[in-house]
Amino acid sequence: RHVVDFYISDFQSGLRALVKTGYGARVTPYVDESVVVDINQKNRELSPEFVRWLGERNLSSDDRIMRMKEG
């Protein structure tokens, strides 16, 4: 894992804090990592749940490049 500088924001107060980390620093994540899935012509394996979700929203999955990001 790479460790970098990042901000923590408190939405209620509007305060923002910069957290500076460096090589060898230990960071405890409180938010799960996001998953990004790219779907294109080479990668056409769609889960049945996702196909159903697209259908419920009247969205098509044919001949389109899609990028799904969890979070």
N, C-alpha and C. Protein backbone atom coordinates (compact mmCIF):
# COMPACT_ATOMS: atom_id res chain seq x y z
N ARG A 1 0.83 -1.19 0.00
CA ARG A 1 0.00 0.00 0.00
C ARG A 1 0.87 1.24 0.00
N HIS A 2 0.39 2.25 -0.69
CA HIS A 2 1.08 3.54 -0.69
C HIS A 2 0.39 4.46 0.30
N VAL A 3 1.15 5.20 1.02
CA VAL A 3 0.60 6.13 2.00
C VAL A 3 0.90 7.54 1.53
N VAL A 4 -0.11 8.39 1.55
CA VAL A 4 0.04 9.76 1.05
C VAL A 4 -0.61 10.73 2.03
N ASP A 5 -0.49 12.02 1.74
CA ASP A 5 -1.18 13.04 2.52
C ASP A 5 -2.65 13.06 2.10
N PHE A 6 -3.54 13.27 3.07
CA PHE A 6 -4.96 13.31 2.75
C PHE A 6 -5.69 14.20 3.74
N TYR A 7 -6.91 14.56 3.39
CA TYR A 7 -7.73 15.42 4.25
C TYR A 7 -8.82 14.60 4.93
N ILE A 8 -9.16 14.99 6.14
CA ILE A 8 -10.32 14.45 6.84
C ILE A 8 -11.27 15.62 7.02
N SER A 9 -12.52 15.45 6.63
CA SER A 9 -13.51 16.52 6.74
C SER A 9 -14.61 16.12 7.70
N ASP A 10 -15.06 17.10 8.48
CA ASP A 10 -16.22 16.93 9.36
C ASP A 10 -17.36 17.71 8.74
N PHE A 11 -18.36 16.99 8.23
CA PHE A 11 -19.43 17.64 7.50
C PHE A 11 -20.31 18.50 8.40
N GLN A 12 -20.41 18.16 9.67
CA GLN A 12 -21.26 18.94 10.57
C GLN A 12 -20.65 20.30 10.89
N SER A 13 -19.37 20.34 11.21
CA SER A 13 -18.74 21.61 11.59
C SER A 13 -18.08 22.31 10.41
N GLY A 14 -17.80 21.57 9.34
CA GLY A 14 -17.12 22.15 8.19
C GLY A 14 -15.60 22.19 8.35
N LEU A 15 -15.09 21.67 9.47
CA LEU A 15 -13.64 21.66 9.69
C LEU A 15 -12.97 20.63 8.78
N ARG A 16 -11.77 20.96 8.36
CA ARG A 16 -11.00 20.05 7.51
C ARG A 16 -9.59 19.99 8.05
N ALA A 17 -9.04 18.78 8.18
CA ALA A 17 -7.70 18.61 8.72
C ALA A 17 -6.84 17.85 7.71
N LEU A 18 -5.62 18.33 7.52
CA LEU A 18 -4.67 17.66 6.65
C LEU A 18 -3.90 16.64 7.48
N VAL A 19 -3.87 15.42 7.02
CA VAL A 19 -3.12 14.35 7.69
C VAL A 19 -1.92 14.05 6.82
N LYS A 20 -0.73 14.25 7.38
CA LYS A 20 0.50 14.00 6.63
C LYS A 20 1.11 12.70 7.11
N THR A 21 1.35 11.81 6.18
CA THR A 21 1.95 10.52 6.50
C THR A 21 3.14 10.31 5.59
N GLY A 22 4.02 9.45 5.98
CA GLY A 22 5.20 9.19 5.18
C GLY A 22 5.55 7.72 5.15
N TYR A 23 6.72 7.42 4.62
CA TYR A 23 7.17 6.05 4.48
C TYR A 23 7.21 5.38 5.85
N GLY A 24 6.61 4.21 5.94
CA GLY A 24 6.62 3.45 7.18
C GLY A 24 5.51 3.82 8.14
N ALA A 25 4.69 4.80 7.78
CA ALA A 25 3.61 5.22 8.68
C ALA A 25 2.51 4.17 8.68
N ARG A 26 1.85 4.05 9.81
CA ARG A 26 0.73 3.11 9.92
C ARG A 26 -0.57 3.91 9.90
N VAL A 27 -1.46 3.55 9.00
CA VAL A 27 -2.74 4.22 8.86
C VAL A 27 -3.83 3.20 9.07
N THR A 28 -4.79 3.53 9.93
CA THR A 28 -5.93 2.65 10.17
C THR A 28 -7.11 3.16 9.36
N PRO A 29 -7.55 2.42 8.35
CA PRO A 29 -8.68 2.90 7.54
C PRO A 29 -10.00 2.73 8.29
N TYR A 30 -10.83 3.75 8.25
CA TYR A 30 -12.16 3.68 8.85
C TYR A 30 -13.24 3.57 7.78
N VAL A 31 -12.84 3.68 6.52
CA VAL A 31 -13.76 3.55 5.39
C VAL A 31 -13.21 2.47 4.49
N ASP A 32 -14.06 1.55 4.06
CA ASP A 32 -13.62 0.50 3.15
C ASP A 32 -13.17 1.10 1.83
N GLU A 33 -12.19 0.47 1.21
CA GLU A 33 -11.71 0.93 -0.08
C GLU A 33 -12.80 0.78 -1.12
N SER A 34 -12.84 1.72 -2.06
CA SER A 34 -13.80 1.64 -3.14
C SER A 34 -13.31 0.65 -4.19
N VAL A 35 -14.25 0.04 -4.87
CA VAL A 35 -13.93 -0.89 -5.94
C VAL A 35 -14.39 -0.27 -7.25
N VAL A 36 -13.50 -0.24 -8.24
CA VAL A 36 -13.83 0.28 -9.55
C VAL A 36 -13.78 -0.87 -10.54
N VAL A 37 -14.86 -1.03 -11.32
CA VAL A 37 -14.93 -2.09 -12.32
C VAL A 37 -15.15 -1.44 -13.67
N ASP A 38 -14.25 -1.69 -14.60
CA ASP A 38 -14.42 -1.21 -15.97
C ASP A 38 -15.02 -2.31 -16.81
N ILE A 39 -16.08 -1.99 -17.53
CA ILE A 39 -16.73 -2.97 -18.41
C ILE A 39 -16.63 -2.44 -19.83
N ASN A 40 -16.03 -3.23 -20.71
CA ASN A 40 -15.89 -2.85 -22.10
C ASN A 40 -16.11 -4.08 -22.96
N GLN A 41 -15.79 -4.01 -24.24
CA GLN A 41 -16.03 -5.14 -25.15
C GLN A 41 -15.21 -6.36 -24.78
N LYS A 42 -14.02 -6.17 -24.21
CA LYS A 42 -13.19 -7.31 -23.83
C LYS A 42 -13.67 -7.93 -22.52
N ASN A 43 -14.24 -7.14 -21.65
CA ASN A 43 -14.69 -7.59 -20.34
C ASN A 43 -16.20 -7.47 -20.28
N ARG A 44 -16.91 -8.46 -20.76
CA ARG A 44 -18.37 -8.40 -20.85
C ARG A 44 -19.07 -9.25 -19.81
N GLU A 45 -18.36 -9.76 -18.82
CA GLU A 45 -18.96 -10.59 -17.79
C GLU A 45 -19.71 -9.71 -16.80
N LEU A 46 -21.02 -9.63 -16.93
CA LEU A 46 -21.84 -8.84 -16.03
C LEU A 46 -22.55 -9.75 -15.04
N SER A 47 -22.62 -9.33 -13.80
CA SER A 47 -23.32 -10.14 -12.82
C SER A 47 -24.82 -10.05 -13.07
N PRO A 48 -25.57 -11.12 -12.75
CA PRO A 48 -27.02 -11.09 -12.94
C PRO A 48 -27.68 -9.97 -12.13
N GLU A 49 -27.15 -9.68 -10.94
CA GLU A 49 -27.71 -8.60 -10.13
C GLU A 49 -27.54 -7.24 -10.81
N PHE A 50 -26.37 -7.06 -11.44
CA PHE A 50 -26.13 -5.79 -12.11
C PHE A 50 -27.01 -5.65 -13.34
N VAL A 51 -27.18 -6.71 -14.09
CA VAL A 51 -28.05 -6.68 -15.27
C VAL A 51 -29.48 -6.35 -14.84
N ARG A 52 -29.93 -6.95 -13.73
CA ARG A 52 -31.26 -6.67 -13.21
C ARG A 52 -31.38 -5.20 -12.79
N TRP A 53 -30.34 -4.67 -12.12
CA TRP A 53 -30.32 -3.29 -11.68
C TRP A 53 -30.42 -2.34 -12.87
N LEU A 54 -29.67 -2.64 -13.96
CA LEU A 54 -29.75 -1.83 -15.16
C LEU A 54 -31.16 -1.87 -15.75
N GLY A 55 -31.76 -3.07 -15.80
CA GLY A 55 -33.10 -3.22 -16.34
C GLY A 55 -34.14 -2.46 -15.55
N GLU A 56 -34.02 -2.44 -14.23
CA GLU A 56 -34.96 -1.70 -13.38
C GLU A 56 -34.92 -0.21 -13.65
N ARG A 57 -33.80 0.28 -14.14
CA ARG A 57 -33.63 1.70 -14.41
C ARG A 57 -33.71 2.01 -15.91
N ASN A 58 -34.17 1.04 -16.69
CA ASN A 58 -34.30 1.19 -18.15
C ASN A 58 -32.99 1.59 -18.80
N LEU A 59 -31.89 1.00 -18.34
CA LEU A 59 -30.57 1.26 -18.91
C LEU A 59 -30.11 0.03 -19.69
N SER A 60 -29.45 0.26 -20.79
CA SER A 60 -28.96 -0.83 -21.63
C SER A 60 -27.50 -1.12 -21.31
N SER A 61 -27.10 -2.37 -21.48
CA SER A 61 -25.71 -2.74 -21.24
C SER A 61 -24.98 -3.12 -22.52
N ASP A 62 -25.62 -2.98 -23.66
CA ASP A 62 -24.99 -3.42 -24.91
C ASP A 62 -24.22 -2.27 -25.57
N ASP A 63 -23.00 -2.61 -26.03
CA ASP A 63 -22.14 -1.70 -26.81
C ASP A 63 -21.84 -0.38 -26.10
N ARG A 64 -21.69 -0.43 -24.81
CA ARG A 64 -21.33 0.77 -24.07
C ARG A 64 -20.15 0.47 -23.17
N ILE A 65 -19.30 1.45 -22.99
CA ILE A 65 -18.23 1.34 -22.01
C ILE A 65 -18.77 1.89 -20.71
N MET A 66 -18.72 1.07 -19.66
CA MET A 66 -19.25 1.49 -18.37
C MET A 66 -18.14 1.45 -17.34
N ARG A 67 -18.23 2.36 -16.40
CA ARG A 67 -17.29 2.37 -15.28
C ARG A 67 -18.13 2.47 -14.02
N MET A 68 -18.03 1.44 -13.19
CA MET A 68 -18.78 1.42 -11.95
C MET A 68 -17.82 1.67 -10.81
N LYS A 69 -18.23 2.54 -9.91
CA LYS A 69 -17.40 2.84 -8.76
C LYS A 69 -18.24 2.69 -7.51
N GLU A 70 -17.78 1.85 -6.61
CA GLU A 70 -18.48 1.64 -5.36
C GLU A 70 -18.20 2.79 -4.41
N GLY A 71 -19.20 3.15 -3.63
CA GLY A 71 -18.96 4.17 -2.61
C GLY A 71 -19.90 5.32 -2.68
